[in-house]
Protein backbone atom coordinates (compact mmCIF):
# COMPACT_ATOMS: atom_id res chain seq x y z
CA UNK A 1 -0.11 -0.21 -0.09
CA UNK A 2 2.87 2.64 1.04
CA UNK A 3 4.90 1.89 -2.04
CA UNK A 4 2.03 2.43 -4.72
CA UNK A 5 1.14 6.03 -2.47
CA UNK A 6 5.07 6.35 -2.96
CA UNK A 7 4.76 5.53 -7.21
CA UNK A 8 1.75 7.79 -7.30
CA UNK A 9 3.30 10.57 -5.74
CA UNK A 10 6.65 9.89 -7.52
CA UNK A 11 4.59 10.19 -10.90
CA UNK A 12 2.55 13.74 -9.84
CA UNK A 13 6.37 14.71 -9.44
CA UNK A 14 7.21 13.36 -12.57
CA UNK A 15 4.34 14.81 -14.43
CA UNK A 16 4.00 18.41 -13.20
CA UNK A 17 8.02 18.42 -13.57
CA UNK A 18 7.94 19.68 -9.76
CA UNK A 19 11.89 20.47 -9.46
CA UNK A 20 11.30 22.98 -12.55
CA UNK A 21 8.92 25.20 -10.06
CA UNK A 22 12.08 27.40 -8.90
CA UNK A 23 11.17 29.94 -11.86
CA UNK A 24 7.61 30.76 -9.60
CA UNK A 25 8.79 30.07 -6.27
CA UNK A 26 11.83 31.91 -6.77
CA UNK A 27 10.28 34.44 -8.46
CA UNK A 28 7.66 34.89 -5.55
CA UNK A 29 10.40 34.95 -3.12
CA UNK A 30 12.61 38.06 -4.62
CA UNK A 31 9.05 39.86 -4.23
CA UNK A 32 8.31 39.21 -1.01
CA UNK A 33 12.50 40.10 -0.16
CA UNK A 34 12.11 43.62 -1.80
CA UNK A 35 9.14 44.44 0.21
CA UNK A 36 10.70 43.60 3.18
CA UNK A 37 14.04 45.23 2.01
CA UNK A 38 11.45 48.52 2.03
CA UNK A 39 9.40 48.03 5.24
CA UNK A 40 6.44 46.99 3.46
CA UNK A 41 4.09 44.23 5.76
CA UNK A 42 2.56 41.91 3.54
CA UNK A 43 -1.27 41.28 3.54
CA UNK A 44 -0.71 37.99 4.01
CA UNK A 45 -4.25 35.73 3.75
CA UNK A 46 -4.25 37.35 0.20
CA UNK A 47 -0.12 35.82 0.03
CA UNK A 48 -1.18 32.94 0.57
CA UNK A 49 -4.21 32.49 -1.60
CA UNK A 50 -2.03 33.99 -4.34
CA UNK A 51 1.06 30.91 -3.30
CA UNK A 52 -1.31 28.31 -4.01
CA UNK A 53 -3.01 29.47 -7.21
CA UNK A 54 0.27 30.48 -8.67
CA UNK A 55 2.25 27.39 -7.63
CA UNK A 56 -0.53 24.87 -8.43
CA UNK A 57 -1.09 26.88 -11.75
CA UNK A 58 2.55 26.21 -12.33
CA UNK A 59 1.94 22.40 -12.03
CA UNK A 60 -1.15 22.66 -14.46
CA UNK A 61 0.68 24.46 -17.76
CA UNK A 62 3.91 21.46 -16.86
CA UNK A 63 1.10 19.08 -16.82
CA UNK A 64 -0.97 20.06 -20.25
CA UNK A 65 2.12 20.39 -21.82
CA UNK A 66 3.26 16.65 -21.14
CA UNK A 67 -0.15 15.85 -22.05
CA UNK A 68 -0.61 17.15 -24.99
CA UNK A 69 3.35 16.66 -25.77
CA UNK A 70 3.24 13.01 -25.18
CA UNK A 71 1.64 12.70 -28.54
CA UNK A 72 4.07 13.59 -30.98
CA UNK A 73 7.25 13.25 -29.32
CA UNK A 74 7.19 9.42 -27.67
CA UNK A 75 7.38 10.37 -23.85
CA UNK A 76 5.93 8.13 -21.47
CA UNK A 77 2.96 9.26 -18.85
CA UNK A 78 3.46 7.94 -15.79
CA UNK A 79 0.00 7.71 -15.60
CA UNK A 80 -2.63 6.52 -17.83
CA UNK A 81 -4.14 9.21 -20.26
CA UNK A 82 -7.39 9.48 -18.77
CA UNK A 83 -5.66 9.27 -15.49
CA UNK A 84 -3.40 12.29 -16.14
CA UNK A 85 -6.13 14.33 -17.92
CA UNK A 86 -8.47 13.76 -14.87
CA UNK A 87 -4.99 15.19 -12.50
CA UNK A 88 -4.68 18.47 -14.88
CA UNK A 89 -8.40 19.26 -14.66
CA UNK A 90 -8.31 18.88 -10.81
CA UNK A 91 -5.13 21.02 -10.89
CA UNK A 92 -6.74 23.29 -13.24
CA UNK A 93 -9.45 23.56 -11.25
CA UNK A 94 -8.43 23.95 -7.93
CA UNK A 95 -5.97 27.07 -9.08
CA UNK A 96 -8.62 28.99 -11.23
CA UNK A 97 -11.04 28.63 -7.80
CA UNK A 98 -8.69 29.80 -5.74
CA UNK A 99 -7.94 32.82 -8.69
CA UNK A 100 -10.93 33.90 -8.00
CA UNK A 101 -11.10 33.27 -4.16
CA UNK A 102 -7.88 36.19 -4.59
CA UNK A 103 -9.84 38.63 -6.80
CA UNK A 104 -12.60 38.84 -3.72
CA UNK A 105 -9.67 39.47 -1.83
CA UNK A 106 -8.94 42.39 -3.52
CA UNK A 107 -9.75 43.59 -7.19
CA UNK A 108 -10.03 44.18 -11.16
CA UNK A 109 -6.66 44.87 -11.65
CA UNK A 110 -5.73 41.29 -10.09
CA UNK A 111 -8.49 39.58 -11.85
CA UNK A 112 -7.44 41.26 -15.57
CA UNK A 113 -3.28 40.15 -15.00
CA UNK A 114 -4.34 36.62 -13.31
CA UNK A 115 -6.81 35.81 -15.81
CA UNK A 116 -3.95 36.69 -19.00
CA UNK A 117 -1.44 34.40 -16.96
CA UNK A 118 -3.62 31.76 -16.72
CA UNK A 119 -4.63 32.19 -20.57
CA UNK A 120 -1.26 32.30 -21.45
CA UNK A 121 -0.39 29.67 -19.46
CA UNK A 122 -2.79 27.50 -21.17
CA UNK A 123 -2.40 28.54 -24.58
CA UNK A 124 1.46 28.14 -24.18
CA UNK A 125 0.53 24.18 -25.11
CA UNK A 126 -2.77 24.08 -26.01
CA UNK A 127 -5.06 25.29 -28.95
CA UNK A 128 -3.94 26.19 -33.01
CA UNK A 129 -1.11 27.78 -32.56
CA UNK A 130 1.16 27.20 -29.11
CA UNK A 131 3.35 29.73 -27.73
CA UNK A 132 5.85 26.89 -27.49
CA UNK A 133 6.18 26.37 -31.18
CA UNK A 134 7.01 29.66 -32.27
CA UNK A 135 9.92 31.90 -31.51
CA UNK A 136 8.25 33.32 -28.43
CA UNK A 137 8.76 31.11 -25.59
CA UNK A 138 11.68 32.61 -23.81
CA UNK A 139 10.23 36.26 -24.04
CA UNK A 140 6.67 34.85 -22.69
CA UNK A 141 7.81 32.16 -20.24
CA UNK A 142 10.31 35.01 -18.96
CA UNK A 143 7.37 37.88 -18.95
CA UNK A 144 5.06 35.62 -17.33
CA UNK A 145 7.06 34.26 -14.41
CA UNK A 146 10.00 36.92 -13.57
CA UNK A 147 7.79 39.87 -14.06
CA UNK A 148 3.95 39.29 -13.64
CA UNK A 149 4.76 37.36 -10.56
CA UNK A 150 6.24 40.34 -9.33
CA UNK A 151 3.66 42.82 -10.68
CA UNK A 152 1.11 40.75 -9.20
CA UNK A 153 2.72 40.39 -5.45
CA UNK A 154 3.62 44.25 -5.73
CA UNK A 155 0.19 45.83 -6.32
CA UNK A 156 -1.21 43.81 -3.97
CA UNK A 157 1.27 44.63 -0.90
CA UNK A 158 1.32 48.07 -1.41
CA UNK A 159 -0.58 51.14 -0.48
CA UNK A 160 -3.68 51.96 -2.65
CA UNK A 161 -2.69 53.90 -5.72
CA UNK A 162 0.94 53.68 -5.19
CA UNK A 163 1.54 51.35 -7.81
CA UNK A 164 -1.56 52.08 -10.41
CA UNK A 165 -5.29 52.72 -10.37
CA UNK A 166 -8.09 51.07 -12.31
CA UNK A 167 -11.52 53.03 -12.55
CA UNK A 168 -13.84 51.05 -14.64
CA UNK A 169 -16.84 53.42 -13.83
CA UNK A 170 -18.83 52.97 -17.23
CA UNK A 171 -18.60 54.44 -19.51
CA UNK A 172 -15.50 55.48 -19.22
CA UNK A 173 -11.92 53.27 -18.53
CA UNK A 174 -9.73 55.52 -16.74
CA UNK A 175 -5.88 54.01 -15.72
CA UNK A 176 -3.39 56.00 -13.93
CA UNK A 177 0.37 54.46 -13.53
CA UNK A 178 2.89 55.60 -10.68
CA UNK A 179 5.92 55.48 -13.08
CA UNK A 180 8.53 55.60 -10.31
CA UNK A 181 6.93 52.37 -9.18
CA UNK A 182 6.52 50.81 -12.06
CA UNK A 183 9.95 51.65 -12.92
CA UNK A 184 11.19 49.85 -9.99
CA UNK A 185 9.32 47.10 -11.20
CA UNK A 186 10.82 46.92 -14.13
CA UNK A 187 14.23 46.67 -13.00
CA UNK A 188 13.47 44.03 -10.00
CA UNK A 189 11.94 41.41 -12.66
CA UNK A 190 15.27 41.66 -14.74
CA UNK A 191 17.04 38.71 -13.26
CA UNK A 192 13.84 36.77 -12.97
CA UNK A 193 13.14 37.54 -16.65
CA UNK A 194 16.36 36.70 -18.17
CA UNK A 195 16.96 33.55 -15.65
CA UNK A 196 13.93 32.33 -16.86
CA UNK A 197 14.30 32.62 -20.54
CA UNK A 198 17.84 31.70 -19.96
CA UNK A 199 16.38 27.98 -18.60
CA UNK A 200 13.43 27.88 -21.70
CA UNK A 201 16.53 28.79 -24.51
CA UNK A 202 19.05 26.53 -23.53
CA UNK A 203 15.84 24.02 -23.60
CA UNK A 204 15.15 24.53 -27.05
CA UNK A 205 19.09 24.55 -28.11
CA UNK A 206 19.12 21.29 -26.61
CA UNK A 207 15.84 19.82 -28.31
CA UNK A 208 16.64 21.94 -31.59
CA UNK A 209 16.87 18.63 -34.02
CA UNK A 210 13.80 16.58 -32.09
CA UNK A 211 11.51 19.86 -31.86
CA UNK A 212 12.08 20.03 -35.78
CA UNK A 213 11.32 16.80 -36.51
CA UNK A 214 7.87 17.43 -35.00
CA UNK A 215 7.27 20.67 -36.52
CA UNK A 216 8.21 22.79 -33.21
CA UNK A 217 10.29 26.02 -34.75
CA UNK A 218 11.42 27.86 -31.33
CA UNK A 219 13.93 30.44 -31.69
CA UNK A 220 16.87 28.48 -32.23
CA UNK A 221 15.87 27.35 -35.56
CA UNK A 222 15.50 31.20 -36.70
CA UNK A 223 18.63 32.64 -35.13
CA UNK A 224 20.81 29.30 -35.41
CA UNK A 225 24.18 29.75 -33.83
CA UNK A 226 23.37 33.45 -32.71
CA UNK A 227 21.41 31.67 -29.88
CA UNK A 228 24.23 30.81 -28.08
CA UNK A 229 25.49 34.39 -27.66
CA UNK A 230 22.37 35.20 -26.62
CA UNK A 231 22.24 33.10 -24.11
CA UNK A 232 25.74 34.16 -22.86
CA UNK A 233 24.10 38.15 -23.11
CA UNK A 234 21.23 37.23 -21.32
CA UNK A 235 23.22 36.64 -17.84
CA UNK A 236 25.72 39.43 -18.75
CA UNK A 237 22.80 41.96 -18.56
CA UNK A 238 21.72 41.15 -15.12
CA UNK A 239 24.61 42.89 -13.73
CA UNK A 240 24.60 45.93 -14.56
CA UNK A 241 21.27 46.19 -14.27
CA UNK A 242 21.88 44.94 -10.47
CA UNK A 243 24.54 48.26 -10.15
CA UNK A 244 21.56 50.75 -11.10
CA UNK A 245 19.03 49.21 -8.54
CA UNK A 246 22.40 49.44 -5.91
CA UNK A 247 22.40 53.19 -7.38
CA UNK A 248 18.94 54.47 -7.21
CA UNK A 249 18.45 52.71 -3.61
CA UNK A 250 16.21 49.87 -5.33
CA UNK A 251 19.04 47.52 -3.86
CA UNK A 252 21.15 47.95 -0.29
CA UNK A 253 24.71 48.16 -1.17
CA UNK A 254 25.08 44.66 -0.15
CA UNK A 255 23.17 44.21 -3.32
CA UNK A 256 27.07 44.66 -4.99
CA UNK A 257 27.78 41.14 -3.71
CA UNK A 258 26.54 39.63 -6.31
CA UNK A 259 29.00 40.49 -8.47
CA UNK A 260 30.40 36.93 -7.04
CA UNK A 261 28.39 35.02 -8.57
CA UNK A 262 30.08 36.38 -12.12
CA UNK A 263 32.19 34.21 -12.62
CA UNK A 264 30.62 30.35 -11.60
CA UNK A 265 27.40 32.23 -14.20
CA UNK A 266 30.73 33.02 -16.71
CA UNK A 267 31.81 29.32 -16.02
CA UNK A 268 28.36 27.80 -16.22
CA UNK A 269 27.89 29.65 -19.89
CA UNK A 270 31.75 28.16 -21.63
CA UNK A 271 30.30 25.09 -20.63
CA UNK A 272 27.48 25.06 -22.57
CA UNK A 273 28.95 26.91 -25.20
CA UNK A 274 31.32 23.72 -25.68
CA UNK A 275 28.44 21.37 -25.95
CA UNK A 276 24.59 21.83 -25.79
CA UNK A 277 23.38 17.88 -24.08
CA UNK A 278 19.77 18.01 -22.17
CA UNK A 279 21.36 15.34 -20.03
CA UNK A 280 24.42 17.19 -19.12
CA UNK A 281 24.80 20.75 -19.63
CA UNK A 282 21.53 21.99 -19.69
CA UNK A 283 21.41 21.94 -16.06
CA UNK A 284 23.91 25.06 -16.67
CA UNK A 285 21.11 26.90 -17.00
CA UNK A 286 18.97 25.99 -13.86
CA UNK A 287 22.79 26.30 -12.13
CA UNK A 288 22.71 29.76 -13.22
CA UNK A 289 19.51 30.56 -12.50
CA UNK A 290 20.17 29.54 -9.00
CA UNK A 291 22.84 31.46 -7.96
CA UNK A 292 21.66 34.42 -10.00
CA UNK A 293 17.80 34.42 -8.45
CA UNK A 294 18.89 33.18 -4.95
CA UNK A 295 21.95 35.84 -4.55
CA UNK A 296 20.04 38.23 -5.11
CA UNK A 297 16.67 37.68 -3.10
CA UNK A 298 19.19 36.75 0.27
CA UNK A 299 21.04 40.21 -0.48
CA UNK A 300 17.35 41.84 -0.87
CA UNK A 301 16.87 40.08 2.59
CA UNK A 302 19.52 40.89 4.12
CA UNK A 303 20.11 44.39 2.87
CA UNK A 304 16.59 44.95 4.47
CA UNK A 305 18.20 43.66 7.53
CA UNK A 306 20.53 45.85 7.34
CA UNK A 307 18.29 48.57 6.48
CA UNK A 308 16.08 47.75 9.75
CA UNK A 309 13.58 45.45 7.78
CA UNK A 310 10.41 45.71 9.65
CA UNK A 311 11.46 46.66 13.12
């Protein structure tokens, strides 16, 4: 009995690729760290509902991706197709209900931004022209994991009107945006956007030949060898933005310690340049993500402590 339960749990983890969920969890953690740094209290009920909905929907998108792709790429699912369909529908339904609960706790801005996330996540693999089959996967993944998650967290927790105001009073629609706060959001999102895009780019580079065989034409198909240069610059661009964040006070000066990660990140890039293999060198994109996002999150929290945090 215990063995069957363990096999089912492991099969679920395989079907949803739970180890890849660092992209949503780290984006969440970095955003919370920034709010801590600026001394902004968290709205805990809303944050708990948001995290649960975000994480379950992240599992859902991967489940949909694996369920649909298994028809063409020969991938063996851990359960029967009807069982896998039930699992992804339960995940989708639960995450949707949690998302609607969050809307009840917040407002229409969360509904619109969250709805866009849900729609894009589903259309990433499903539909007449899935995003995963065109050269937009890196950009879409980076933006929706690295930008919209921080946007929602900052919007939910910051004082009303300090980020943006959406007035849907009929017949006019009025949107007011605080450009200073929006600029901070963009800089804060650079690392999660680019490191997430780096994982997707490395994956598509490694799978290029297999993807073409199943009519999937991703970015590396169109840009060729330039995709390796793009892979490198994705990471290098993070560091000048980090310097700018420190200069503008968005990060504490302790954030300059992120530069220490440049050497191991550079070594990982060189390793991927030498060989692009899904079983071996693809992992450097994961290592670079953890190095950069982990360091920036810890340094943001440390900056909050040095600055006084919530005290």
